[in-house]
């Protein structure tokens, strides 16, 4: 069992009184995950109570159910509209908010490039 003293928390000062810095890829990923979770939670907080309150009203005559474009109003406003809003959010998030970070070269790419260079040097001899 490893002790917690072996690995200090990320915000703990390191030698010289400086704080450890997070990798930018981690910071971007964490920010994006928080945004996605908050939007998901907002959709959940809207859809579940709205559909519960407006969809389960007891004994209702089918003719008296309010509709929007032929869909029961509670289903339209509680499911369809949040779904469309989530689709629009996803498009905005993916194309304009999310950042593409440089992850460096993959180990297999580096070895492939080394092999190509070695083969070219062999041919030059």
Protein backbone atom coordinates (compact mmCIF):
# COMPACT_ATOMS: atom_id res chain seq x y z
CA UNK A 1 0.00 0.00 0.00
CA UNK A 2 1.53 3.31 -1.09
CA UNK A 3 1.56 6.16 1.34
CA UNK A 4 0.08 9.50 0.43
CA UNK A 5 3.39 11.16 1.31
CA UNK A 6 5.02 9.52 -1.72
CA UNK A 7 2.85 11.46 -4.19
CA UNK A 8 1.98 15.01 -3.16
CA UNK A 9 -1.29 16.52 -4.33
CA UNK A 10 -1.06 18.51 -7.59
CA UNK A 11 -1.49 21.86 -5.85
CA UNK A 12 1.25 21.15 -3.32
CA UNK A 13 4.34 23.34 -3.64
CA UNK A 14 7.28 21.64 -5.32
CA UNK A 15 10.92 22.47 -4.76
CA UNK A 16 11.59 26.19 -4.68
CA UNK A 17 8.06 27.09 -3.53
CA UNK A 18 6.58 26.80 -7.04
CA UNK A 19 3.34 24.98 -7.70
CA UNK A 20 3.18 22.02 -10.03
CA UNK A 21 1.69 22.98 -13.41
CA UNK A 22 -0.92 20.91 -15.19
CA UNK A 23 -0.49 19.88 -18.79
CA UNK A 24 -2.57 22.10 -21.14
CA UNK A 25 -4.19 19.00 -22.66
CA UNK A 26 -5.42 18.00 -19.20
CA UNK A 27 -6.74 21.50 -18.50
CA UNK A 28 -8.62 21.67 -21.80
CA UNK A 29 -10.06 18.19 -21.32
CA UNK A 30 -11.18 18.96 -17.78
CA UNK A 31 -12.82 22.22 -18.83
CA UNK A 32 -14.63 20.50 -21.70
CA UNK A 33 -15.79 17.67 -19.43
CA UNK A 34 -17.17 20.17 -16.91
CA UNK A 35 -19.07 22.04 -19.64
CA UNK A 36 -20.54 18.79 -20.99
CA UNK A 37 -21.56 17.63 -17.51
CA UNK A 38 -23.22 20.96 -16.66
CA UNK A 39 -25.22 20.97 -19.90
CA UNK A 40 -26.20 17.32 -19.39
CA UNK A 41 -27.31 18.10 -15.83
CA UNK A 42 -29.37 21.07 -17.06
CA UNK A 43 -31.09 18.81 -19.59
CA UNK A 44 -31.79 16.21 -16.91
CA UNK A 45 -33.14 18.80 -14.46
CA UNK A 46 -35.46 20.11 -17.18
CA UNK A 47 -36.65 16.91 -18.86
CA UNK A 48 -37.38 14.60 -15.94
CA UNK A 49 -39.43 16.94 -13.74
CA UNK A 50 -41.19 18.54 -16.72
CA UNK A 51 -42.25 15.21 -18.15
CA UNK A 52 -43.24 13.90 -14.72
CA UNK A 53 -45.40 16.92 -13.88
CA UNK A 54 -46.96 17.38 -17.32
CA UNK A 55 -47.02 13.83 -18.65
CA UNK A 56 -48.56 11.97 -15.72
CA UNK A 57 -51.67 13.95 -14.94
CA UNK A 58 -53.96 11.02 -14.13
CA UNK A 59 -57.05 10.04 -16.06
CA UNK A 60 -57.11 12.20 -19.17
CA UNK A 61 -59.35 11.96 -22.18
CA UNK A 62 -57.22 11.52 -25.33
CA UNK A 63 -59.13 14.33 -27.03
CA UNK A 64 -58.18 16.82 -24.30
CA UNK A 65 -54.41 16.29 -24.55
CA UNK A 66 -52.71 19.42 -25.83
CA UNK A 67 -50.56 18.82 -28.88
CA UNK A 68 -47.81 20.61 -30.78
CA UNK A 69 -47.56 19.47 -34.43
CA UNK A 70 -49.53 16.36 -33.50
CA UNK A 71 -47.19 15.40 -30.63
CA UNK A 72 -48.39 15.60 -27.03
CA UNK A 73 -47.20 18.97 -25.69
CA UNK A 74 -45.46 17.46 -22.66
CA UNK A 75 -43.44 15.17 -24.92
CA UNK A 76 -42.61 17.98 -27.36
CA UNK A 77 -41.42 20.44 -24.68
CA UNK A 78 -39.99 17.82 -22.31
CA UNK A 79 -38.16 15.53 -24.78
CA UNK A 80 -38.06 16.86 -28.37
CA UNK A 81 -37.01 20.45 -27.62
CA UNK A 82 -34.25 19.49 -25.15
CA UNK A 83 -33.06 16.87 -27.63
CA UNK A 84 -32.83 19.43 -30.43
CA UNK A 85 -31.13 21.88 -28.07
CA UNK A 86 -28.59 19.16 -27.16
CA UNK A 87 -27.95 18.56 -30.87
CA UNK A 88 -27.32 22.27 -31.47
CA UNK A 89 -25.09 22.45 -28.40
CA UNK A 90 -23.11 19.43 -29.61
CA UNK A 91 -22.48 21.00 -33.01
CA UNK A 92 -21.40 24.29 -31.41
CA UNK A 93 -19.24 22.52 -28.83
CA UNK A 94 -17.46 20.27 -31.32
CA UNK A 95 -16.82 22.84 -34.04
CA UNK A 96 -16.21 26.06 -32.11
CA UNK A 97 -15.50 25.41 -28.43
CA UNK A 98 -13.45 22.21 -28.21
CA UNK A 99 -9.74 22.70 -28.75
CA UNK A 100 -7.47 20.41 -30.71
CA UNK A 101 -4.25 19.90 -28.76
CA UNK A 102 -0.94 18.60 -30.04
CA UNK A 103 -0.29 15.28 -28.37
CA UNK A 104 3.14 14.78 -29.91
CA UNK A 105 4.21 11.88 -32.08
CA UNK A 106 2.99 8.39 -31.26
CA UNK A 107 5.78 5.90 -30.44
CA UNK A 108 4.97 3.75 -33.48
CA UNK A 109 5.14 6.82 -35.74
CA UNK A 110 8.58 7.70 -34.41
CA UNK A 111 9.86 4.19 -35.02
CA UNK A 112 8.36 4.19 -38.54
CA UNK A 113 10.15 7.44 -39.33
CA UNK A 114 13.39 6.08 -37.94
CA UNK A 115 13.06 2.95 -40.08
CA UNK A 116 12.42 5.04 -43.20
CA UNK A 117 15.44 7.19 -42.46
CA UNK A 118 17.62 4.13 -41.87
CA UNK A 119 16.45 2.57 -45.12
CA UNK A 120 17.22 5.79 -47.03
CA UNK A 121 20.72 5.93 -45.52
CA UNK A 122 21.32 2.32 -46.51
CA UNK A 123 20.27 3.03 -50.11
CA UNK A 124 22.55 6.07 -50.24
CA UNK A 125 25.63 3.93 -49.38
